[in-house]
Amino acid sequence: MDHNKKLGRALAALKRGRPAEAIRLADEVIKASPGQGSGYLAIGHALFLENRLEESLKFLRLAVTKSPELAEAHAALANALRFAGRVGETFGEFVKALELAPENPDIQCKAASFLLEQGMFDDAERLYRMAAANNEGRGIAGLATVLERRGDFEAALALLEKNPPTAAGGFPAVSNRARLLWRLKRGREAVGLLENLETSRLSSLETLGYFHLLGDILHDLGEYERAFDAFCRANLVHNLQYDRSAATTKIEGIIAKFSRANLATWPRADIRQPSPLFIVGAPRSGTSLLEQILSCHPEIHAAGELEAIPRIVESLNPASGQALNESAESYLAPLRQGARGCRYVTDKLPHNFLHLGAIAQLFPMARVIHCRRDPLDTGLSIFRRNFNAMHNYATDLAAIGHFLGEQRRLMRHWEESLDLPLLTVDYEELVAEPEPVIRRVLEYLTLPWDPAVLLFHRSARVVTTASYDQVRRPLYTSAVGSSHPYLSHLGPLSASLGLQGGAPQ
């Protein structure tokens, strides 16, 4: 059998939902034609569908190396990088794919979905419209998602109802419609729509989205047992592995490296403006909410979750004043235009709690706010969310508990060792008595009170995190104690947290 026939059989196996068969056939293609990227692309795509992300990336990188003219390979690599949380690389690969095949509706939809996640609504809409014009049903489903993210639920639902799922993107259209029915308080209809789907025909990624959405809707309907089952089934699909020993070793290494003694002797950068405000904490602890509130103050520019600090810290020499100045400038330079003379620019990447030692050296005038929330509520909320592969702890309750314990251990170290001012904000206090808490935050920042901060839910600012819907609503307390209906299932989380009598040990 020649190269093209074997490749055709591999691609047909992919379409039939048989990734293992596709891998076997594509491996034969590679052996026959090792210099061509198409076989590597087929294997990379099959591994991606099986949620074997790191293996997928290896083969997709080989595909673009062997055949850099292959637009589909760049698009597939971009999509895998997107799910790995590597935003900067994702942009570059989608640009290459669209340059090579600007009229390809599949690439248009994948790129549009990524742009939508980044809050680039106008660019996403343009690509979705191009795809829809080429009779690509996912373009219609994508346009509905754009309308939803803009808060126009009625218009989004009307668009989908004019285009049956078979003509408008299959599962994406069905899931979009179910999500919109849920947003419009028609949860029972949404559940019925999802339950009519034949889940055995869904890909791994579609199955993942299906069970997360079903679980969220059932949670809102008060059907907690069924909701928890859905979340568990979603997290089984993720296939992520968390190494407790490695995580503990990492935290101990940070504590040893950034000891109080070292921090007292190491140099600091002397670049000052604009002044960063780092909002850190565990995911789902209120970081998005606090940033949205503060973004309404005229002296604060909200930059969202920036990837720069983890990248800078990877190669930073903490003992070199020149390296610190250069790194600080590389971080601040792209923020100056957006800051427009504001006193603070927020960076709310939660995992920056790992890098507060380096942050103290890079930005001696910075401020840090640590968002804290009840650990059981936080842990369950993490378990319920569809995080990317960077959050390798997020699909196992015991792993989540261990991660949260290590996060709090490191925060205690920073509180004891850093000269950098650090304020802790408890989520429960913020939602119960917002004004005094926000006043305390603004006093910490030496900023005047502005009543606009209490109207954060009216802001037109785009939020790209999992909290995009919550921050559009006035403050509510219903998420406090959200773990209570699930307590009978949270034994592994409680044990890993070392909870006794409701308090962490």
Protein backbone atom coordinates (compact mmCIF):
# COMPACT_ATOMS: atom_id res chain seq x y z
CA MET A 1 0.00 0.00 0.00
CA ASP A 2 1.46 3.38 -0.99
CA HIS A 3 2.03 6.38 1.28
CA ASN A 4 -1.17 8.25 0.38
CA LYS A 5 -3.43 5.21 0.82
CA LYS A 6 -1.98 4.44 4.26
CA LEU A 7 -2.35 8.06 5.28
CA GLY A 8 -5.93 8.08 4.00
CA ARG A 9 -6.74 5.01 6.09
CA ALA A 10 -5.18 6.64 9.16
CA LEU A 11 -7.25 9.80 8.66
CA ALA A 12 -10.39 7.73 8.12
CA ALA A 13 -9.73 5.93 11.40
CA LEU A 14 -9.47 9.31 13.11
CA LYS A 15 -12.82 10.38 11.70
CA ARG A 16 -14.39 7.15 12.93
CA GLY A 17 -13.09 7.83 16.44
CA ARG A 18 -10.42 5.11 16.41
CA PRO A 19 -7.22 6.88 17.50
CA ALA A 20 -5.31 3.68 18.31
CA GLU A 21 -5.88 2.37 14.79
CA ALA A 22 -4.92 5.76 13.37
CA ILE A 23 -1.64 5.73 15.32
CA ARG A 24 -0.76 2.25 14.04
CA LEU A 25 -1.44 3.19 10.42
CA ALA A 26 0.31 6.57 10.68
CA ASP A 27 3.36 4.87 12.18
CA GLU A 28 3.58 2.81 8.99
CA VAL A 29 3.39 6.06 7.00
CA ILE A 30 6.32 7.49 8.98
CA LYS A 31 8.43 4.36 8.44
CA ALA A 32 7.79 4.58 4.70
CA SER A 33 8.27 8.37 4.44
CA PRO A 34 10.16 9.64 7.53
CA GLY A 35 10.88 13.00 5.92
CA GLN A 36 7.24 14.02 5.51
CA GLY A 37 5.19 15.60 8.28
CA SER A 38 1.78 14.12 7.46
CA GLY A 39 2.29 10.89 9.42
CA TYR A 40 3.55 12.78 12.48
CA LEU A 41 0.52 15.07 12.19
CA ALA A 42 -1.89 12.12 12.17
CA ILE A 43 -0.26 10.58 15.25
CA GLY A 44 -0.13 13.92 17.02
CA HIS A 45 -3.80 14.51 16.34
CA ALA A 46 -4.73 11.01 17.52
CA LEU A 47 -2.77 11.46 20.75
CA PHE A 48 -4.44 14.82 21.29
CA LEU A 49 -7.87 13.20 20.94
CA GLU A 50 -6.79 10.67 23.57
CA ASN A 51 -5.80 13.59 25.83
CA ARG A 52 -2.13 12.52 25.82
CA LEU A 53 -1.03 16.10 25.53
CA GLU A 54 2.74 16.02 25.98
CA GLU A 55 3.11 13.08 23.58
CA SER A 56 0.88 14.91 21.11
CA LEU A 57 3.04 18.03 21.27
CA LYS A 58 6.15 15.98 20.52
CA PHE A 59 4.70 14.58 17.29
CA LEU A 60 3.08 17.83 16.21
CA ARG A 61 6.38 19.69 16.62
CA LEU A 62 7.97 17.04 14.41
CA ALA A 63 5.17 17.53 11.86
CA VAL A 64 5.83 21.27 11.49
CA THR A 65 9.60 20.65 11.39
CA LYS A 66 9.32 18.04 8.64
CA SER A 67 6.65 19.93 6.64
CA PRO A 68 6.66 23.63 7.58
CA GLU A 69 4.38 24.36 4.60
CA LEU A 70 1.59 22.20 6.12
CA ALA A 71 -0.99 24.64 7.51
CA GLU A 72 -2.95 21.88 9.26
CA ALA A 73 0.16 20.89 11.22
CA HIS A 74 0.66 24.44 12.52
CA ALA A 75 -3.03 24.64 13.45
CA ALA A 76 -2.96 21.29 15.24
CA LEU A 77 0.19 22.29 17.15
CA ALA A 78 -1.40 25.63 18.06
CA ASN A 79 -4.51 23.87 19.37
CA ALA A 80 -2.45 21.48 21.50
CA LEU A 81 -0.34 24.35 22.85
CA ARG A 82 -3.55 26.17 23.70
CA PHE A 83 -4.75 23.27 25.86
CA ALA A 84 -1.31 23.10 27.46
CA GLY A 85 -1.73 26.73 28.52
CA ARG A 86 1.19 28.03 26.42
CA VAL A 87 -0.48 31.16 25.11
CA GLY A 88 2.51 32.89 23.54
CA GLU A 89 3.45 29.91 21.35
CA THR A 90 -0.19 29.35 20.46
CA PHE A 91 -0.49 32.81 18.90
CA GLY A 92 2.55 32.23 16.71
CA GLU A 93 1.42 28.87 15.38
CA PHE A 94 -2.09 30.08 14.55
CA VAL A 95 -0.61 33.06 12.69
CA LYS A 96 1.52 30.68 10.59
CA ALA A 97 -1.48 28.42 9.92
CA LEU A 98 -3.67 31.31 8.77
CA GLU A 99 -0.90 32.74 6.61
CA LEU A 100 -0.57 29.38 4.85
CA ALA A 101 -4.32 28.70 4.53
CA PRO A 102 -6.32 31.90 5.13
CA GLU A 103 -9.55 30.40 3.72
CA ASN A 104 -9.50 27.12 5.67
CA PRO A 105 -12.68 27.13 7.82
CA ASP A 106 -11.38 24.52 10.28
CA ILE A 107 -8.30 26.63 11.01
CA GLN A 108 -10.46 29.76 11.17
CA CYS A 109 -12.69 28.21 13.84
CA LYS A 110 -9.81 26.88 15.94
CA ALA A 111 -8.02 30.22 15.84
CA ALA A 112 -11.26 32.08 16.61
CA SER A 113 -11.90 29.88 19.64
CA PHE A 114 -8.44 30.72 20.97
CA LEU A 115 -8.89 34.45 20.32
CA LEU A 116 -12.21 34.33 22.14
CA GLU A 117 -10.48 32.85 25.19
CA GLN A 118 -8.03 35.76 25.10
CA GLY A 119 -10.87 38.30 25.09
CA MET A 120 -10.28 39.34 21.48
CA PHE A 121 -13.97 39.23 20.63
CA ASP A 122 -13.89 41.31 17.43
CA ASP A 123 -11.10 39.23 15.88
CA ALA A 124 -12.81 35.99 16.88
CA GLU A 125 -16.10 37.16 15.40
CA ARG A 126 -14.42 38.06 12.11
CA LEU A 127 -12.91 34.56 11.76
CA TYR A 128 -16.15 32.85 12.78
CA ARG A 129 -18.05 34.87 10.16
CA MET A 130 -15.53 33.84 7.50
CA ALA A 131 -16.01 30.21 8.49
CA ALA A 132 -19.80 30.54 8.50
CA ALA A 133 -19.64 32.06 5.00
CA ASN A 134 -17.83 28.89 3.89
CA ASN A 135 -20.74 26.78 5.20
CA GLU A 136 -18.77 25.69 8.26
CA GLY A 137 -21.36 24.97 10.93
CA ARG A 138 -18.90 25.62 13.74
CA GLY A 139 -18.77 29.21 12.55
CA ILE A 140 -22.42 29.64 13.55
CA ALA A 141 -21.80 27.95 16.90
CA GLY A 142 -18.81 30.22 17.42
CA LEU A 143 -20.79 33.36 16.64
CA ALA A 144 -23.31 32.30 19.27
CA THR A 145 -20.46 31.91 21.77
CA VAL A 146 -19.24 35.42 21.00
CA LEU A 147 -22.74 36.76 21.69
CA GLU A 148 -22.86 34.80 24.94
CA ARG A 149 -19.52 36.13 26.13
CA ARG A 150 -20.79 39.62 25.39
CA GLY A 151 -23.76 38.89 27.64
CA ASP A 152 -26.43 38.76 24.90
CA PHE A 153 -27.85 35.34 25.79
CA GLU A 154 -31.18 35.82 24.02
CA ALA A 155 -29.57 36.75 20.70
CA ALA A 156 -27.12 33.84 20.96
CA LEU A 157 -29.91 31.35 21.58
CA ALA A 158 -32.00 32.79 18.74
CA LEU A 159 -29.06 32.33 16.37
CA LEU A 160 -28.66 28.68 17.32
CA GLU A 161 -32.36 27.98 17.11
CA LYS A 162 -32.33 29.20 13.51
CA ASN A 163 -29.56 26.69 12.75
CA PRO A 164 -30.20 23.06 13.78
CA PRO A 165 -27.22 21.32 15.41
CA THR A 166 -26.65 19.07 12.39
CA ALA A 167 -26.06 22.19 10.31
CA ALA A 168 -24.39 24.30 12.96
CA GLY A 169 -21.44 22.51 14.38
CA GLY A 170 -22.75 19.29 15.97
CA PHE A 171 -21.71 18.98 19.61
CA PRO A 172 -20.43 22.59 19.95
CA ALA A 173 -23.85 23.88 18.90
CA VAL A 174 -25.69 21.52 21.25
CA SER A 175 -23.45 22.40 24.19
CA ASN A 176 -23.75 26.11 23.37
CA ARG A 177 -27.51 25.88 23.27
CA ALA A 178 -27.61 23.97 26.56
CA ARG A 179 -25.33 26.53 28.20
CA LEU A 180 -27.51 29.39 26.96
CA LEU A 181 -30.69 27.73 28.23
CA TRP A 182 -28.95 27.39 31.59
CA ARG A 183 -27.90 31.07 31.58
CA LEU A 184 -31.53 31.96 30.86
CA LYS A 185 -32.71 29.94 33.91
CA ARG A 186 -34.03 27.09 31.79
CA GLY A 187 -31.81 24.46 33.36
CA ARG A 188 -34.22 21.55 33.02
CA GLU A 189 -34.44 22.07 29.27
CA ALA A 190 -30.65 22.27 29.14
CA VAL A 191 -30.24 18.95 30.96
CA GLY A 192 -32.78 17.31 28.67
CA LEU A 193 -30.92 18.54 25.61
CA LEU A 194 -27.61 17.17 26.90
CA GLU A 195 -29.08 13.84 27.97
CA ASN A 196 -30.40 13.28 24.46
CA LEU A 197 -26.84 13.28 23.11
CA GLU A 198 -25.15 9.98 22.32
CA THR A 199 -22.02 10.47 24.43
CA SER A 200 -20.28 7.38 23.05
CA ARG A 201 -19.81 9.26 19.79
CA LEU A 202 -18.09 12.23 21.38
CA SER A 203 -14.32 12.74 21.27
CA SER A 204 -12.39 12.84 24.54
CA LEU A 205 -12.34 16.63 24.53
CA GLU A 206 -16.05 16.81 23.75
CA THR A 207 -16.75 14.31 26.53
CA LEU A 208 -14.76 16.51 28.89
CA GLY A 209 -16.80 19.59 28.00
CA TYR A 210 -20.04 17.64 28.13
CA PHE A 211 -19.64 16.40 31.70
CA HIS A 212 -18.32 19.70 33.05
CA LEU A 213 -21.31 21.53 31.61
CA LEU A 214 -23.80 18.89 32.76
CA GLY A 215 -22.31 18.98 36.25
CA ASP A 216 -22.56 22.77 36.49
CA ILE A 217 -26.20 22.78 35.42
CA LEU A 218 -27.13 19.95 37.80
CA HIS A 219 -25.32 21.79 40.61
CA ASP A 220 -27.47 24.88 40.02
CA LEU A 221 -30.57 22.68 40.01
CA GLY A 222 -29.60 21.28 43.42
CA GLU A 223 -29.04 17.73 42.10
CA TYR A 224 -25.72 17.41 43.87
CA GLU A 225 -25.22 13.64 43.65
CA ARG A 226 -25.66 13.64 39.89
CA ALA A 227 -23.55 16.79 39.60
CA PHE A 228 -20.65 15.25 41.51
CA ASP A 229 -20.82 12.13 39.36
CA ALA A 230 -20.59 14.34 36.25
CA PHE A 231 -17.55 16.20 37.61
CA CYS A 232 -15.84 12.90 38.44
CA ARG A 233 -16.49 11.56 34.95
CA ALA A 234 -15.10 14.75 33.42
CA ASN A 235 -11.94 14.58 35.50
CA LEU A 236 -11.32 10.96 34.56
CA VAL A 237 -11.10 12.09 30.94
CA HIS A 238 -8.41 14.68 31.78
CA ASN A 239 -5.88 11.93 32.54
CA LEU A 240 -3.59 14.31 34.49
CA GLN A 241 -0.94 13.13 36.94
CA TYR A 242 0.15 15.06 40.06
CA ASP A 243 3.42 14.18 41.77
CA ARG A 244 3.13 15.10 45.46
CA SER A 245 6.80 14.53 46.15
CA ALA A 246 7.88 16.73 43.25
CA ALA A 247 5.44 19.47 44.29
CA THR A 248 6.74 19.45 47.88
CA THR A 249 10.35 19.46 46.69
CA LYS A 250 9.60 22.46 44.48
CA ILE A 251 8.12 24.46 47.38
CA GLU A 252 11.00 23.53 49.68
CA GLY A 253 13.46 24.64 46.98
CA ILE A 254 11.75 28.03 46.68
CA ILE A 255 11.76 28.51 50.46
CA ALA A 256 15.45 27.63 50.66
CA LYS A 257 16.45 29.81 47.72
CA PHE A 258 14.47 32.85 48.79
CA SER A 259 15.34 32.75 52.46
CA ARG A 260 15.14 35.94 54.48
CA ALA A 261 18.95 36.00 54.62
CA ASN A 262 19.33 35.74 50.84
CA LEU A 263 16.64 38.32 50.17
CA ALA A 264 18.38 40.75 52.54
CA THR A 265 21.67 40.56 50.60
CA TRP A 266 20.58 40.18 46.98
CA PRO A 267 20.22 43.32 44.80
CA ARG A 268 16.96 44.84 43.63
CA ALA A 269 15.94 46.50 40.39
CA ASP A 270 15.69 50.29 40.39
CA ILE A 271 12.96 50.59 37.72
CA ARG A 272 9.80 51.90 39.35
CA GLN A 273 6.97 52.87 36.95
CA PRO A 274 4.31 51.77 36.52
CA SER A 275 3.96 49.99 39.84
CA PRO A 276 2.70 46.40 39.55
CA LEU A 277 -0.04 45.09 41.80
CA PHE A 278 0.15 41.32 42.01
CA ILE A 279 -3.06 39.50 42.96
CA VAL A 280 -2.16 35.94 43.90
CA GLY A 281 -3.69 32.90 45.53
CA ALA A 282 -5.09 29.51 44.67
CA PRO A 283 -7.30 29.37 41.59
CA ARG A 284 -10.99 29.99 42.41
CA SER A 285 -10.10 32.03 45.50
CA GLY A 286 -11.53 35.35 44.28
CA THR A 287 -8.62 36.77 42.28
CA SER A 288 -10.77 37.58 39.21
CA LEU A 289 -13.46 39.17 41.34
CA LEU A 290 -11.01 41.39 43.20
CA GLU A 291 -9.27 42.48 40.01
CA GLN A 292 -12.61 43.32 38.39
CA ILE A 293 -13.54 45.47 41.41
CA LEU A 294 -10.20 47.29 41.41
CA SER A 295 -10.26 47.78 37.62
CA CYS A 296 -13.07 50.32 38.16
CA HIS A 297 -10.76 52.63 40.10
CA PRO A 298 -9.29 55.36 37.86
CA GLU A 299 -5.78 54.84 39.27
CA ILE A 300 -5.68 51.10 38.48
CA HIS A 301 -5.24 49.45 35.09
CA ALA A 302 -6.21 45.76 35.03
CA ALA A 303 -3.95 43.68 32.78
CA GLY A 304 -5.42 40.26 33.64
CA GLU A 305 -3.36 37.07 33.85
CA LEU A 306 0.09 37.79 32.41
CA GLU A 307 2.51 35.00 31.54
CA ALA A 308 5.64 37.14 31.83
CA ILE A 309 6.69 36.50 35.44
CA PRO A 310 6.99 32.68 35.23
CA ARG A 311 8.95 33.07 31.98
CA ILE A 312 11.29 35.70 33.47
CA VAL A 313 11.91 33.70 36.64
CA GLU A 314 12.98 30.61 34.67
CA SER A 315 16.29 32.21 33.66
CA LEU A 316 16.67 35.08 36.14
CA ASN A 317 19.93 35.44 38.08
CA PRO A 318 18.76 36.86 41.43
CA ALA A 319 22.28 37.99 42.32
CA SER A 320 22.71 40.20 39.22
CA GLY A 321 21.48 43.78 39.46
CA GLN A 322 21.79 44.22 35.68
CA ALA A 323 19.70 41.10 35.00
CA LEU A 324 17.06 42.34 37.44
CA ASN A 325 16.84 45.75 35.76
CA GLU A 326 16.65 44.25 32.28
CA SER A 327 13.96 41.76 33.32
CA ALA A 328 11.93 44.39 35.16
CA GLU A 329 12.03 46.65 32.10
CA SER A 330 11.01 43.79 29.78
CA TYR A 331 7.98 43.17 32.00
CA LEU A 332 6.92 46.82 32.38
CA ALA A 333 7.56 48.09 28.85
CA PRO A 334 4.48 46.54 27.20
CA LEU A 335 2.28 47.63 30.14
CA ARG A 336 3.07 51.34 30.01
CA GLN A 337 0.74 52.15 27.11
CA GLY A 338 -2.22 50.41 28.71
CA ALA A 339 -1.46 51.95 32.09
CA ARG A 340 -2.00 55.48 30.72
CA GLY A 341 -0.47 57.10 33.78
CA CYS A 342 -2.32 54.89 36.27
CA ARG A 343 -0.55 54.34 39.53
CA TYR A 344 -0.95 50.56 39.49
CA VAL A 345 -1.16 47.80 36.88
CA THR A 346 -2.63 44.52 38.08
CA ASP A 347 -1.26 41.09 37.22
CA LYS A 348 -3.63 38.49 38.60
CA LEU A 349 -1.95 35.27 37.55
CA PRO A 350 -2.82 33.22 40.68
CA HIS A 351 0.29 31.03 40.53
CA ASN A 352 2.56 34.04 40.86
CA PHE A 353 2.47 33.14 44.55
CA LEU A 354 5.36 30.86 43.58
CA HIS A 355 7.47 33.82 42.48
CA LEU A 356 7.02 36.47 45.16
CA GLY A 357 10.70 36.31 46.10
CA ALA A 358 11.77 37.24 42.58
CA ILE A 359 8.93 39.78 42.37
CA ALA A 360 10.26 41.50 45.52
CA GLN A 361 13.63 41.90 43.80
CA LEU A 362 12.23 42.97 40.43
CA PHE A 363 9.67 45.43 41.76
CA PRO A 364 10.53 46.78 45.23
CA MET A 365 7.64 49.27 44.97
CA ALA A 366 5.07 46.62 44.03
CA ARG A 367 2.13 45.60 46.17
CA VAL A 368 0.82 42.06 46.66
CA ILE A 369 -2.71 40.98 47.57
CA HIS A 370 -3.22 37.38 48.59
CA CYS A 371 -6.76 36.13 47.99
CA ARG A 372 -7.83 33.44 50.42
CA ARG A 373 -10.98 31.32 50.57
CA ASP A 374 -12.31 28.43 52.62
CA PRO A 375 -10.15 25.47 51.49
CA LEU A 376 -13.06 23.06 51.00
CA ASP A 377 -14.95 25.57 48.88
CA THR A 378 -11.79 26.36 46.94
CA GLY A 379 -10.92 22.72 46.44
CA LEU A 380 -14.35 21.74 45.21
CA SER A 381 -14.47 24.74 42.88
CA ILE A 382 -11.12 23.69 41.37
CA PHE A 383 -12.41 20.12 40.97
CA ARG A 384 -15.46 21.46 39.12
CA ARG A 385 -13.54 23.56 36.60
CA ASN A 386 -12.12 22.51 33.25
CA PHE A 387 -8.54 23.71 33.72
CA ASN A 388 -5.72 23.19 31.24
CA ALA A 389 -2.85 20.76 31.71
CA MET A 390 -0.73 23.25 33.67
CA HIS A 391 -3.07 22.63 36.62
CA ASN A 392 -2.10 18.98 36.97
CA TYR A 393 -3.52 18.80 40.50
CA ALA A 394 -7.02 19.91 39.52
CA THR A 395 -8.71 16.59 38.73
CA ASP A 396 -8.05 14.68 41.96
CA LEU A 397 -9.41 15.77 45.33
CA ALA A 398 -6.43 14.51 47.33
CA ALA A 399 -4.02 16.21 44.93
CA ILE A 400 -5.97 19.47 45.19
CA GLY A 401 -5.74 19.31 48.98
CA HIS A 402 -2.01 18.76 48.84
CA PHE A 403 -1.57 21.66 46.40
CA LEU A 404 -3.62 23.99 48.60
CA GLY A 405 -1.62 22.99 51.67
CA GLU A 406 1.67 23.67 49.91
CA GLN A 407 0.35 26.98 48.60
CA ARG A 408 -0.52 28.14 52.11
CA ARG A 409 2.83 26.90 53.45
CA LEU A 410 4.65 29.02 50.89
CA MET A 411 2.47 32.04 51.65
CA ARG A 412 3.40 31.75 55.35
CA HIS A 413 7.05 31.81 54.30
CA TRP A 414 6.55 34.97 52.24
CA GLU A 415 4.70 36.66 55.11
CA GLU A 416 7.67 35.94 57.37
CA SER A 417 10.48 36.65 54.88
CA LEU A 418 9.47 39.40 52.45
CA ASP A 419 9.87 43.12 53.02
CA LEU A 420 7.34 43.61 50.22
CA PRO A 421 3.95 44.78 51.59
CA LEU A 422 1.42 41.95 51.45
CA LEU A 423 -2.31 42.14 52.21
CA THR A 424 -4.60 39.12 52.63
CA VAL A 425 -8.22 39.39 51.50
CA ASP A 426 -10.68 36.70 52.53
CA TYR A 427 -13.30 35.92 49.91
CA GLU A 428 -16.00 35.37 52.49
CA GLU A 429 -15.48 38.83 54.00
CA LEU A 430 -15.34 40.47 50.59
CA VAL A 431 -18.72 39.16 49.43
CA ALA A 432 -20.40 39.65 52.82
CA GLU A 433 -19.22 43.22 53.53
CA PRO A 434 -17.69 44.53 50.31
CA GLU A 435 -17.33 48.22 51.09
CA PRO A 436 -15.18 47.97 54.25
CA VAL A 437 -12.98 45.33 52.64
CA ILE A 438 -12.49 47.37 49.47
CA ARG A 439 -11.79 50.47 51.54
CA ARG A 440 -9.11 48.52 53.38
CA VAL A 441 -7.58 47.43 50.06
CA LEU A 442 -7.53 51.00 48.73
CA GLU A 443 -5.98 52.25 51.97
CA TYR A 444 -3.29 49.61 51.60
CA LEU A 445 -2.65 50.97 48.10
CA THR A 446 -2.78 54.57 49.44
CA LEU A 447 -5.54 55.35 46.93
CA PRO A 448 -8.65 57.46 47.56
CA TRP A 449 -12.07 55.91 47.81
CA ASP A 450 -14.08 55.83 44.58
CA PRO A 451 -17.70 54.56 44.63
CA ALA A 452 -17.28 53.20 41.08
CA VAL A 453 -15.59 50.13 42.55
CA LEU A 454 -18.92 48.97 43.96
CA LEU A 455 -20.40 48.98 40.43
CA PHE A 456 -17.80 46.60 38.99
CA HIS A 457 -20.48 44.33 37.47
CA ARG A 458 -21.45 47.10 35.04
CA SER A 459 -17.94 47.36 33.65
CA ALA A 460 -17.48 46.64 29.95
CA ARG A 461 -14.04 45.17 30.66
CA VAL A 462 -13.42 41.76 29.11
CA VAL A 463 -12.67 38.94 31.55
CA THR A 464 -11.07 35.84 30.01
CA THR A 465 -10.85 33.49 32.99
CA ALA A 466 -13.36 30.86 34.13
CA SER A 467 -15.01 33.57 36.24
CA TYR A 468 -16.13 35.66 33.23
CA ASP A 469 -19.83 35.23 34.03
CA GLN A 470 -19.57 35.67 37.81
CA VAL A 471 -17.86 39.06 37.63
CA ARG A 472 -20.72 40.46 35.55
CA ARG A 473 -23.10 40.02 38.47
CA PRO A 474 -23.40 42.03 41.68
CA LEU A 475 -21.68 40.44 44.67
CA TYR A 476 -23.44 37.34 45.95
CA THR A 477 -22.78 35.06 48.91
CA SER A 478 -24.22 31.82 47.53
CA ALA A 479 -20.74 30.46 46.75
CA VAL A 480 -19.81 30.62 50.44
CA GLY A 481 -20.26 27.11 51.82
CA SER A 482 -20.72 25.69 48.31
CA SER A 483 -18.87 22.54 49.39
CA HIS A 484 -21.44 21.65 52.07
CA PRO A 485 -23.78 19.60 49.84
CA TYR A 486 -20.77 17.52 48.76
CA LEU A 487 -19.16 16.88 52.16
CA SER A 488 -19.81 13.15 52.00
CA HIS A 489 -17.65 13.03 48.86
CA LEU A 490 -14.84 15.29 50.03
CA GLY A 491 -13.02 12.93 52.40
CA PRO A 492 -9.85 12.78 50.24
CA LEU A 493 -9.76 16.59 50.06
CA SER A 494 -10.30 17.02 53.80
CA ALA A 495 -7.70 14.39 54.70
CA SER A 496 -5.12 15.86 52.35
CA LEU A 497 -5.73 19.33 53.78
CA GLY A 498 -5.30 18.00 57.31
CA LEU A 499 -8.69 19.33 58.32
CA GLN A 500 -9.89 18.64 61.83
CA GLY A 501 -12.89 20.38 63.27
CA GLY A 502 -13.18 22.49 60.11
CA ALA A 503 -9.77 24.21 60.37
CA PRO A 504 -6.52 23.48 58.50
CA GLN A 505 -3.75 22.15 60.71
